[in-house]
Amino acid sequence: MRSWLAILLGVGVLPFASLSCGDDGNGCTGSACNLKGTTTVKWTFNHYPEWKFDDDSCNEIGAETVRVVAKPTDDPNNPDAVVTQEAKCNDKQVVLLGLDPGTFDVTVTPIDVNGFTLVKEPATGTVPSGTAGKNTEVTINVPYTAWQRAYTGTFLFQLKWGGQPCTTATPPVTTQVLTMMIGGQPVTKPTHAGQRVDGTDPQPCATTFDYIELLPFGPATFAIVGKDAGGVVRFQQQYDSFVGVGTFNPTINYDLPLPDAGVPDAPPDAPPDAT
């Protein structure tokens, strides 16, 4: 009886068996070895999901294009190995084809419509170069500390108390006190509904959407206190937040935990609220 291998070869089932002779040790065989790997570099602006903020757009930042420079980590001064590519900011990425093998240091520089850089220094990251059959990518965030301009933004929020609006919370919330701190200082601007957010302005509880305009963009803290009809604090929480650039920022939904989950102490730097 002939072997199964001889039978398969005889009927042409294994015509490509010889391609394994071209294996380069990286998993590519035959004509696939002639393909070049791709290295994709993506960018975000002010991406802080831990602060419930996804990112700012190119239009909000004023970026027209983004310049990406990739240098070999082990040989950064070799001009023949450095790759520079520029793309429209809204493309959100560039694709570098056929980088030399190894790890690359990458910089991302947003540029405005007049060709001027928008950052004090480029955002940085590292990525291994893509190879045939094993493409790579990296996402580099341009942090809020990098920008040269003094942007402002609108902070949009909505409150719930244990998943419920004011009147059906357990217990019901009658009064709310808000304290927003930016740069260690209480914000003096009121909300659109007219409530001051410096911790000194108790107002009737409102579960409706509200916002504060023209704030300095960047990190902030937002402390929320909910009191019952007798003026007793029933809900209290402080959140790390972020004010994005411009008007069209996401509405942040703050759902304070139920009182039986424990009410934390008031933040030490928050002004005492009025009762």
C-alpha atoms as a PDB file:
ATOM      1  CA  MET A   1       0.000   0.000   0.000  1.00  0.00           C
ATOM      2  CA  ARG A   2       1.373   3.429  -0.924  1.00  0.00           C
ATOM      3  CA  SER A   3       1.799   5.942   1.863  1.00  0.00           C
ATOM      4  CA  TRP A   4      -0.783   8.680   2.316  1.00  0.00           C
ATOM      5  CA  LEU A   5       1.885  11.277   1.546  1.00  0.00           C
ATOM      6  CA  ALA A   6       2.694   9.617  -1.795  1.00  0.00           C
ATOM      7  CA  ILE A   7      -0.992   9.473  -2.686  1.00  0.00           C
ATOM      8  CA  LEU A   8      -1.564  13.158  -1.836  1.00  0.00           C
ATOM      9  CA  LEU A   9       1.473  14.226  -3.830  1.00  0.00           C
ATOM     10  CA  GLY A  10       0.401  12.029  -6.722  1.00  0.00           C
ATOM     11  CA  VAL A  11      -3.003  13.685  -7.025  1.00  0.00           C
ATOM     12  CA  GLY A  12      -1.641  17.184  -6.591  1.00  0.00           C
ATOM     13  CA  VAL A  13      -3.173  17.917  -3.185  1.00  0.00           C
ATOM     14  CA  LEU A  14       0.151  19.214  -1.844  1.00  0.00           C
ATOM     15  CA  PRO A  15       1.525  21.310  -4.719  1.00  0.00           C
ATOM     16  CA  PHE A  16       2.766  24.021  -2.354  1.00  0.00           C
ATOM     17  CA  ALA A  17       4.724  21.841   0.013  1.00  0.00           C
ATOM     18  CA  SER A  18       7.973  23.137  -1.417  1.00  0.00           C
ATOM     19  CA  LEU A  19       7.202  26.682  -0.204  1.00  0.00           C
ATOM     20  CA  SER A  20       8.334  25.722   3.288  1.00  0.00           C
ATOM     21  CA  CYS A  21      11.889  25.795   1.971  1.00  0.00           C
ATOM     22  CA  GLY A  22      11.620  29.574   1.848  1.00  0.00           C
ATOM     23  CA  ASP A  23      10.771  30.008   5.528  1.00  0.00           C
ATOM     24  CA  ASP A  24      12.823  32.928   6.850  1.00  0.00           C
ATOM     25  CA  GLY A  25      12.384  31.948  10.489  1.00  0.00           C
ATOM     26  CA  ASN A  26       9.737  34.647  11.064  1.00  0.00           C
ATOM     27  CA  GLY A  27       6.827  32.622   9.750  1.00  0.00           C
ATOM     28  CA  CYS A  28       6.851  33.980   6.175  1.00  0.00           C
ATOM     29  CA  THR A  29       7.122  31.557   3.273  1.00  0.00           C
ATOM     30  CA  GLY A  30       7.412  31.815  -0.500  1.00  0.00           C
ATOM     31  CA  SER A  31       6.197  35.025  -2.124  1.00  0.00           C
ATOM     32  CA  ALA A  32       4.921  36.284   1.265  1.00  0.00           C
ATOM     33  CA  CYS A  33       8.537  36.956   2.196  1.00  0.00           C
ATOM     34  CA  ASN A  34       8.614  39.808  -0.348  1.00  0.00           C
ATOM     35  CA  LEU A  35       5.820  41.695   1.424  1.00  0.00           C
ATOM     36  CA  LYS A  36       6.763  44.608   3.676  1.00  0.00           C
ATOM     37  CA  GLY A  37       5.310  44.980   7.146  1.00  0.00           C
ATOM     38  CA  THR A  38       3.351  48.057   8.186  1.00  0.00           C
ATOM     39  CA  THR A  39       3.712  50.116  11.351  1.00  0.00           C
ATOM     40  CA  THR A  40       0.621  52.191  12.141  1.00  0.00           C
ATOM     41  CA  VAL A  41       0.951  55.262  14.366  1.00  0.00           C
ATOM     42  CA  LYS A  42      -2.341  56.631  15.725  1.00  0.00           C
ATOM     43  CA  TRP A  43      -2.888  59.741  17.825  1.00  0.00           C
ATOM     44  CA  THR A  44      -5.338  61.110  20.364  1.00  0.00           C
ATOM     45  CA  PHE A  45      -5.545  64.506  22.051  1.00  0.00           C
ATOM     46  CA  ASN A  46      -6.219  64.692  25.808  1.00  0.00           C
ATOM     47  CA  HIS A  47      -7.386  61.097  26.105  1.00  0.00           C
ATOM     48  CA  TYR A  48      -8.280  60.438  29.762  1.00  0.00           C
ATOM     49  CA  PRO A  49     -10.883  57.694  30.135  1.00  0.00           C
ATOM     50  CA  GLU A  50     -10.130  57.495  33.861  1.00  0.00           C
ATOM     51  CA  TRP A  51     -11.618  61.015  34.063  1.00  0.00           C
ATOM     52  CA  LYS A  52     -14.568  60.079  31.828  1.00  0.00           C
ATOM     53  CA  PHE A  53     -13.112  62.071  28.920  1.00  0.00           C
ATOM     54  CA  ASP A  54     -12.414  60.390  25.580  1.00  0.00           C
ATOM     55  CA  ASP A  55     -10.473  63.036  23.662  1.00  0.00           C
ATOM     56  CA  ASP A  56     -10.556  66.428  21.933  1.00  0.00           C
ATOM     57  CA  SER A  57     -11.042  66.736  18.193  1.00  0.00           C
ATOM     58  CA  CYS A  58      -8.688  68.236  15.627  1.00  0.00           C
ATOM     59  CA  ASN A  59     -11.090  71.145  15.073  1.00  0.00           C
ATOM     60  CA  GLU A  60     -11.295  71.940  18.778  1.00  0.00           C
ATOM     61  CA  ILE A  61      -7.524  71.927  19.142  1.00  0.00           C
ATOM     62  CA  GLY A  62      -6.977  73.763  15.846  1.00  0.00           C
ATOM     63  CA  ALA A  63      -4.783  71.074  14.290  1.00  0.00           C
ATOM     64  CA  GLU A  64      -4.702  70.842  10.493  1.00  0.00           C
ATOM     65  CA  THR A  65      -2.012  68.186  10.096  1.00  0.00           C
ATOM     66  CA  VAL A  66       0.083  65.881  12.261  1.00  0.00           C
ATOM     67  CA  ARG A  67       3.749  65.116  11.681  1.00  0.00           C
ATOM     68  CA  VAL A  68       5.069  61.704  12.716  1.00  0.00           C
ATOM     69  CA  VAL A  69       8.795  60.984  12.983  1.00  0.00           C
ATOM     70  CA  ALA A  70      10.120  57.464  13.643  1.00  0.00           C
ATOM     71  CA  LYS A  71      13.762  56.910  14.642  1.00  0.00           C
ATOM     72  CA  PRO A  72      15.466  53.587  15.418  1.00  0.00           C
ATOM     73  CA  THR A  73      15.884  53.359  19.183  1.00  0.00           C
ATOM     74  CA  ASP A  74      19.378  51.885  18.816  1.00  0.00           C
ATOM     75  CA  ASP A  75      20.521  54.244  16.044  1.00  0.00           C
ATOM     76  CA  PRO A  76      18.574  57.524  16.291  1.00  0.00           C
ATOM     77  CA  ASN A  77      21.218  59.615  14.522  1.00  0.00           C
ATOM     78  CA  ASN A  78      21.239  57.542  11.348  1.00  0.00           C
ATOM     79  CA  PRO A  79      19.470  59.797   8.806  1.00  0.00           C
ATOM     80  CA  ASP A  80      18.937  56.913   6.400  1.00  0.00           C
ATOM     81  CA  ALA A  81      16.814  55.057   8.980  1.00  0.00           C
ATOM     82  CA  VAL A  82      14.655  58.008  10.086  1.00  0.00           C
ATOM     83  CA  VAL A  83      11.161  58.153   8.583  1.00  0.00           C
ATOM     84  CA  THR A  84       8.997  61.305   8.572  1.00  0.00           C
ATOM     85  CA  GLN A  85       5.395  61.356   7.417  1.00  0.00           C
ATOM     86  CA  GLU A  86       2.664  63.993   7.663  1.00  0.00           C
ATOM     87  CA  ALA A  87      -1.069  63.453   7.344  1.00  0.00           C
ATOM     88  CA  LYS A  88      -4.338  65.312   7.775  1.00  0.00           C
ATOM     89  CA  CYS A  89      -5.156  65.470  11.466  1.00  0.00           C
ATOM     90  CA  ASN A  90      -8.600  63.967  10.946  1.00  0.00           C
ATOM     91  CA  ASP A  91      -7.009  60.863   9.407  1.00  0.00           C
ATOM     92  CA  LYS A  92      -6.108  59.935  13.000  1.00  0.00           C
ATOM     93  CA  GLN A  93      -3.127  57.837  11.832  1.00  0.00           C
ATOM     94  CA  VAL A  94      -0.232  57.323   9.455  1.00  0.00           C
ATOM     95  CA  VAL A  95       0.965  53.976   8.113  1.00  0.00           C
ATOM     96  CA  LEU A  96       4.736  53.504   7.822  1.00  0.00           C
ATOM     97  CA  LEU A  97       5.711  50.832   5.314  1.00  0.00           C
ATOM     98  CA  GLY A  98       8.834  48.705   5.491  1.00  0.00           C
ATOM     99  CA  LEU A  99      10.648  50.148   8.507  1.00  0.00           C
ATOM    100  CA  ASP A 100      13.999  48.549   9.268  1.00  0.00           C
ATOM    101  CA  PRO A 101      13.787  45.697  11.803  1.00  0.00           C
ATOM    102  CA  GLY A 102      13.874  46.795  15.435  1.00  0.00           C
ATOM    103  CA  THR A 103      12.208  49.192  17.864  1.00  0.00           C
ATOM    104  CA  PHE A 104      11.465  52.790  16.921  1.00  0.00           C
ATOM    105  CA  ASP A 105      11.027  55.938  19.003  1.00  0.00           C
ATOM    106  CA  VAL A 106       8.089  57.882  17.582  1.00  0.00           C
ATOM    107  CA  THR A 107       7.103  61.534  17.966  1.00  0.00           C
ATOM    108  CA  VAL A 108       3.744  63.118  17.143  1.00  0.00           C
ATOM    109  CA  THR A 109       3.479  66.863  16.453  1.00  0.00           C
ATOM    110  CA  PRO A 110       0.114  68.559  15.737  1.00  0.00           C
ATOM    111  CA  ILE A 111       0.427  71.523  13.349  1.00  0.00           C
ATOM    112  CA  ASP A 112      -2.040  74.343  12.690  1.00  0.00           C
ATOM    113  CA  VAL A 113      -3.265  75.649   9.338  1.00  0.00           C
ATOM    114  CA  ASN A 114      -0.383  78.142   9.170  1.00  0.00           C
ATOM    115  CA  GLY A 115       2.247  75.459   9.666  1.00  0.00           C
ATOM    116  CA  PHE A 116       3.039  76.290  13.296  1.00  0.00           C
ATOM    117  CA  THR A 117       3.394  73.575  15.915  1.00  0.00           C
ATOM    118  CA  LEU A 118       0.694  73.556  18.570  1.00  0.00           C
ATOM    119  CA  VAL A 119       2.759  71.854  21.274  1.00  0.00           C
ATOM    120  CA  LYS A 120       5.716  72.810  23.429  1.00  0.00           C
ATOM    121  CA  GLU A 121       7.316  69.500  22.519  1.00  0.00           C
ATOM    122  CA  PRO A 122       6.135  66.447  20.559  1.00  0.00           C
ATOM    123  CA  ALA A 123       4.325  63.579  22.248  1.00  0.00           C
ATOM    124  CA  THR A 124       6.415  60.409  22.285  1.00  0.00           C
ATOM    125  CA  GLY A 125       6.044  56.635  22.189  1.00  0.00           C
ATOM    126  CA  THR A 126       7.812  53.478  21.053  1.00  0.00           C
ATOM    127  CA  VAL A 127       6.777  50.699  18.704  1.00  0.00           C
ATOM    128  CA  PRO A 128       8.431  47.616  17.173  1.00  0.00           C
ATOM    129  CA  SER A 129       8.581  47.800  13.389  1.00  0.00           C
ATOM    130  CA  GLY A 130       6.088  45.710  11.474  1.00  0.00           C
ATOM    131  CA  THR A 131       7.300  42.676   9.576  1.00  0.00           C
ATOM    132  CA  ALA A 132       5.727  40.515   6.867  1.00  0.00           C
ATOM    133  CA  GLY A 133       2.730  38.808   8.417  1.00  0.00           C
ATOM    134  CA  LYS A 134       3.112  40.692  11.702  1.00  0.00           C
ATOM    135  CA  ASN A 135       2.048  44.327  11.421  1.00  0.00           C
ATOM    136  CA  THR A 136       2.291  46.579  14.474  1.00  0.00           C
ATOM    137  CA  GLU A 137       0.638  49.737  15.765  1.00  0.00           C
ATOM    138  CA  VAL A 138       0.876  52.251  18.589  1.00  0.00           C
ATOM    139  CA  THR A 139      -1.461  54.992  19.818  1.00  0.00           C
ATOM    140  CA  ILE A 140       0.213  58.106  21.192  1.00  0.00           C
ATOM    141  CA  ASN A 141      -1.769  60.547  23.323  1.00  0.00           C
ATOM    142  CA  VAL A 142      -0.844  64.220  23.246  1.00  0.00           C
ATOM    143  CA  PRO A 143      -1.300  65.176  26.932  1.00  0.00           C
ATOM    144  CA  TYR A 144      -2.940  68.330  28.233  1.00  0.00           C
ATOM    145  CA  THR A 145       0.459  69.554  29.477  1.00  0.00           C
ATOM    146  CA  ALA A 146       1.889  69.654  25.937  1.00  0.00           C
ATOM    147  CA  TRP A 147      -0.227  72.404  24.375  1.00  0.00           C
ATOM    148  CA  GLN A 148       1.067  75.924  23.874  1.00  0.00           C
ATOM    149  CA  ARG A 149      -2.306  77.645  23.769  1.00  0.00           C
ATOM    150  CA  ALA A 150      -4.438  78.532  26.786  1.00  0.00           C
ATOM    151  CA  TYR A 151      -7.646  76.751  25.744  1.00  0.00           C
ATOM    152  CA  THR A 152     -11.000  77.048  27.474  1.00  0.00           C
ATOM    153  CA  GLY A 153     -13.902  74.609  27.504  1.00  0.00           C
ATOM    154  CA  THR A 154     -17.404  73.809  28.688  1.00  0.00           C
ATOM    155  CA  PHE A 155     -17.970  71.288  31.461  1.00  0.00           C
ATOM    156  CA  LEU A 156     -21.281  69.427  31.044  1.00  0.00           C
ATOM    157  CA  PHE A 157     -22.753  67.194  33.722  1.00  0.00           C
ATOM    158  CA  GLN A 158     -25.854  65.471  35.031  1.00  0.00           C
ATOM    159  CA  LEU A 159     -26.485  64.120  38.528  1.00  0.00           C
ATOM    160  CA  LYS A 160     -28.222  61.069  39.935  1.00  0.00           C
ATOM    161  CA  TRP A 161     -28.429  59.780  43.463  1.00  0.00           C
ATOM    162  CA  GLY A 162     -28.147  56.025  43.805  1.00  0.00           C
ATOM    163  CA  GLY A 163     -29.370  55.721  40.220  1.00  0.00           C
ATOM    164  CA  GLN A 164     -32.437  57.895  40.878  1.00  0.00           C
ATOM    165  CA  PRO A 165     -33.512  61.512  40.363  1.00  0.00           C
ATOM    166  CA  CYS A 166     -33.815  63.789  43.367  1.00  0.00           C
ATOM    167  CA  THR A 167     -37.347  63.009  44.522  1.00  0.00           C
ATOM    168  CA  THR A 168     -37.150  59.215  44.241  1.00  0.00           C
ATOM    169  CA  ALA A 169     -33.669  58.803  45.715  1.00  0.00           C
ATOM    170  CA  THR A 170     -33.336  56.885  48.974  1.00  0.00           C
ATOM    171  CA  PRO A 171     -33.579  59.090  50.907  1.00  0.00           C
ATOM    172  CA  PRO A 172     -34.896  61.892  48.687  1.00  0.00           C
ATOM    173  CA  VAL A 173     -32.438  64.706  48.023  1.00  0.00           C
ATOM    174  CA  THR A 174     -33.733  68.225  48.580  1.00  0.00           C
ATOM    175  CA  THR A 175     -30.589  70.347  48.331  1.00  0.00           C
ATOM    176  CA  GLN A 176     -27.337  70.014  46.402  1.00  0.00           C
ATOM    177  CA  VAL A 177     -23.984  71.728  46.921  1.00  0.00           C
ATOM    178  CA  LEU A 178     -21.321  71.698  44.196  1.00  0.00           C
ATOM    179  CA  THR A 179     -17.593  72.414  44.448  1.00  0.00           C
ATOM    180  CA  MET A 180     -15.350  72.467  41.389  1.00  0.00           C
ATOM    181  CA  MET A 181     -11.613  72.960  41.873  1.00  0.00           C
ATOM    182  CA  ILE A 182      -9.173  73.776  39.066  1.00  0.00           C
ATOM    183  CA  GLY A 183      -5.517  74.317  39.802  1.00  0.00           C
ATOM    184  CA  GLY A 184      -6.212  74.102  43.524  1.00  0.00           C
ATOM    185  CA  GLN A 185      -8.691  76.998  43.418  1.00  0.00           C
ATOM    186  CA  PRO A 186     -12.501  76.938  43.558  1.00  0.00           C
ATOM    187  CA  VAL A 187     -14.230  77.885  40.317  1.00  0.00           C
ATOM    188  CA  THR A 188     -16.085  81.187  40.535  1.00  0.00           C
ATOM    189  CA  LYS A 189     -18.205  80.824  37.401  1.00  0.00           C
ATOM    190  CA  PRO A 190     -21.799  79.656  37.990  1.00  0.00           C
ATOM    191  CA  THR A 191     -23.557  76.893  36.124  1.00  0.00           C
ATOM    192  CA  HIS A 192     -25.980  77.719  33.326  1.00  0.00           C
ATOM    193  CA  ALA A 193     -28.803  77.200  35.864  1.00  0.00           C
ATOM    194  CA  GLY A 194     -27.218  79.815  38.135  1.00  0.00           C
ATOM    195  CA  GLN A 195     -25.646  77.723  40.899  1.00  0.00           C
ATOM    196  CA  ARG A 196     -22.200  78.762  42.114  1.00  0.00           C
ATOM    197  CA  VAL A 197     -19.748  75.871  42.260  1.00  0.00           C
ATOM    198  CA  ASP A 198     -17.431  77.146  44.989  1.00  0.00           C
ATOM    199  CA  GLY A 199     -19.093  75.044  47.709  1.00  0.00           C
ATOM    200  CA  THR A 200     -21.005  77.950  49.267  1.00  0.00           C
ATOM    201  CA  ASP A 201     -24.274  77.885  47.333  1.00  0.00           C
ATOM    202  CA  PRO A 202     -26.844  75.245  48.334  1.00  0.00           C
ATOM    203  CA  GLN A 203     -29.601  75.047  45.716  1.00  0.00           C
ATOM    204  CA  PRO A 204     -32.689  72.884  45.191  1.00  0.00           C
ATOM    205  CA  CYS A 205     -31.740  69.458  43.899  1.00  0.00           C
ATOM    206  CA  ALA A 206     -31.838  69.178  40.113  1.00  0.00           C
ATOM    207  CA  THR A 207     -31.298  66.021  38.080  1.00  0.00           C
ATOM    208  CA  THR A 208     -31.463  67.940  34.804  1.00  0.00           C
ATOM    209  CA  PHE A 209     -28.489  68.539  32.534  1.00  0.00           C
ATOM    210  CA  ASP A 210     -26.336  71.582  33.447  1.00  0.00           C
ATOM    211  CA  TYR A 211     -23.026  73.070  32.385  1.00  0.00           C
ATOM    212  CA  ILE A 212     -20.311  75.635  33.149  1.00  0.00           C
ATOM    213  CA  GLU A 213     -18.779  77.625  30.294  1.00  0.00           C
ATOM    214  CA  LEU A 214     -15.360  79.149  29.590  1.00  0.00           C
ATOM    215  CA  LEU A 215     -13.381  77.156  32.115  1.00  0.00           C
ATOM    216  CA  PRO A 216      -9.613  76.671  31.817  1.00  0.00           C
ATOM    217  CA  PHE A 217      -9.179  73.310  30.114  1.00  0.00           C
ATOM    218  CA  GLY A 218      -7.455  70.484  31.968  1.00  0.00           C
ATOM    219  CA  PRO A 219      -7.894  68.406  35.141  1.00  0.00           C
ATOM    220  CA  ALA A 220     -10.461  69.373  37.750  1.00  0.00           C
ATOM    221  CA  THR A 221     -12.133  67.921  40.807  1.00  0.00           C
ATOM    222  CA  PHE A 222     -15.893  67.981  41.228  1.00  0.00           C
ATOM    223  CA  ALA A 223     -17.354  67.480  44.711  1.00  0.00           C
ATOM    224  CA  ILE A 224     -21.094  66.854  45.059  1.00  0.00           C
ATOM    225  CA  VAL A 225     -23.163  66.910  48.241  1.00  0.00           C
ATOM    226  CA  GLY A 226     -26.829  65.949  48.501  1.00  0.00           C
ATOM    227  CA  LYS A 227     -28.893  66.832  51.604  1.00  0.00           C
ATOM    228  CA  ASP A 228     -32.314  65.726  52.744  1.00  0.00           C
ATOM    229  CA  ALA A 229     -35.199  67.987  53.796  1.00  0.00           C
ATOM    230  CA  GLY A 230     -33.675  68.371  57.268  1.00  0.00           C
ATOM    231  CA  GLY A 231     -30.339  69.586  55.905  1.00  0.00           C
ATOM    232  CA  VAL A 232     -28.535  66.332  56.719  1.00  0.00           C
ATOM    233  CA  VAL A 233     -25.877  65.190  54.243  1.00  0.00           C
ATOM    234  CA  ARG A 234     -27.100  61.935  52.670  1.00  0.00           C
ATOM    235  CA  PHE A 235     -24.913  61.725  49.576  1.00  0.00           C
ATOM    236  CA  GLN A 236     -21.374  62.969  49.177  1.00  0.00           C
ATOM    237  CA  GLN A 237     -18.647  62.198  46.657  1.00  0.00           C
ATOM    238  CA  GLN A 238     -15.653  63.820  44.975  1.00  0.00           C
ATOM    239  CA  TYR A 239     -14.613  62.946  41.425  1.00  0.00           C
ATOM    240  CA  ASP A 240     -11.489  63.551  39.385  1.00  0.00           C
ATOM    241  CA  SER A 241     -12.690  65.169  36.165  1.00  0.00           C
ATOM    242  CA  PHE A 242     -11.448  66.848  33.018  1.00  0.00           C
ATOM    243  CA  VAL A 243     -12.549  69.985  31.175  1.00  0.00           C
ATOM    244  CA  GLY A 244     -12.135  69.448  27.454  1.00  0.00           C
ATOM    245  CA  VAL A 245     -11.426  72.110  24.851  1.00  0.00           C
ATOM    246  CA  GLY A 246     -14.341  73.961  23.268  1.00  0.00           C
ATOM    247  CA  THR A 247     -18.101  73.620  23.588  1.00  0.00           C
ATOM    248  CA  PHE A 248     -18.905  70.156  22.276  1.00  0.00           C
ATOM    249  CA  ASN A 249     -17.681  68.054  25.171  1.00  0.00           C
ATOM    250  CA  PRO A 250     -19.380  64.916  26.456  1.00  0.00           C
ATOM    251  CA  THR A 251     -21.931  65.158  29.228  1.00  0.00           C
ATOM    252  CA  ILE A 252     -20.498  63.398  32.281  1.00  0.00           C
ATOM    253  CA  ASN A 253     -23.093  61.463  34.266  1.00  0.00           C
ATOM    254  CA  TYR A 254     -22.343  61.389  37.975  1.00  0.00           C
ATOM    255  CA  ASP A 255     -24.278  58.773  39.921  1.00  0.00           C
ATOM    256  CA  LEU A 256     -23.536  59.113  43.617  1.00  0.00           C
ATOM    257  CA  PRO A 257     -23.457  55.859  45.603  1.00  0.00           C
ATOM    258  CA  LEU A 258     -26.231  55.034  48.020  1.00  0.00           C
ATOM    259  CA  PRO A 259     -25.684  56.167  51.618  1.00  0.00           C
ATOM    260  CA  ASP A 260     -25.369  52.572  52.848  1.00  0.00           C
ATOM    261  CA  ALA A 261     -22.328  52.270  50.572  1.00  0.00           C
ATOM    262  CA  GLY A 262     -20.605  54.748  52.856  1.00  0.00           C
ATOM    263  CA  VAL A 263     -20.428  58.520  52.638  1.00  0.00           C
ATOM    264  CA  PRO A 264     -16.807  59.683  52.337  1.00  0.00           C
ATOM    265  CA  ASP A 265     -15.441  62.621  54.289  1.00  0.00           C
ATOM    266  CA  ALA A 266     -15.621  66.008  52.607  1.00  0.00           C
ATOM    267  CA  PRO A 267     -12.511  66.852  50.588  1.00  0.00           C
ATOM    268  CA  PRO A 268     -10.020  68.637  52.864  1.00  0.00           C
ATOM    269  CA  ASP A 269      -9.480  71.556  50.452  1.00  0.00           C
ATOM    270  CA  ALA A 270     -13.191  72.137  49.756  1.00  0.00           C
ATOM    271  CA  PRO A 271     -14.758  75.222  51.355  1.00  0.00           C
ATOM    272  CA  PRO A 272     -17.456  74.422  53.934  1.00  0.00           C
ATOM    273  CA  ASP A 273     -20.911  74.450  52.388  1.00  0.00           C
ATOM    274  CA  ALA A 274     -23.652  76.686  53.687  1.00  0.00           C
ATOM    275  CA  THR A 275     -26.669  75.145  55.308  1.00  0.00           C
END
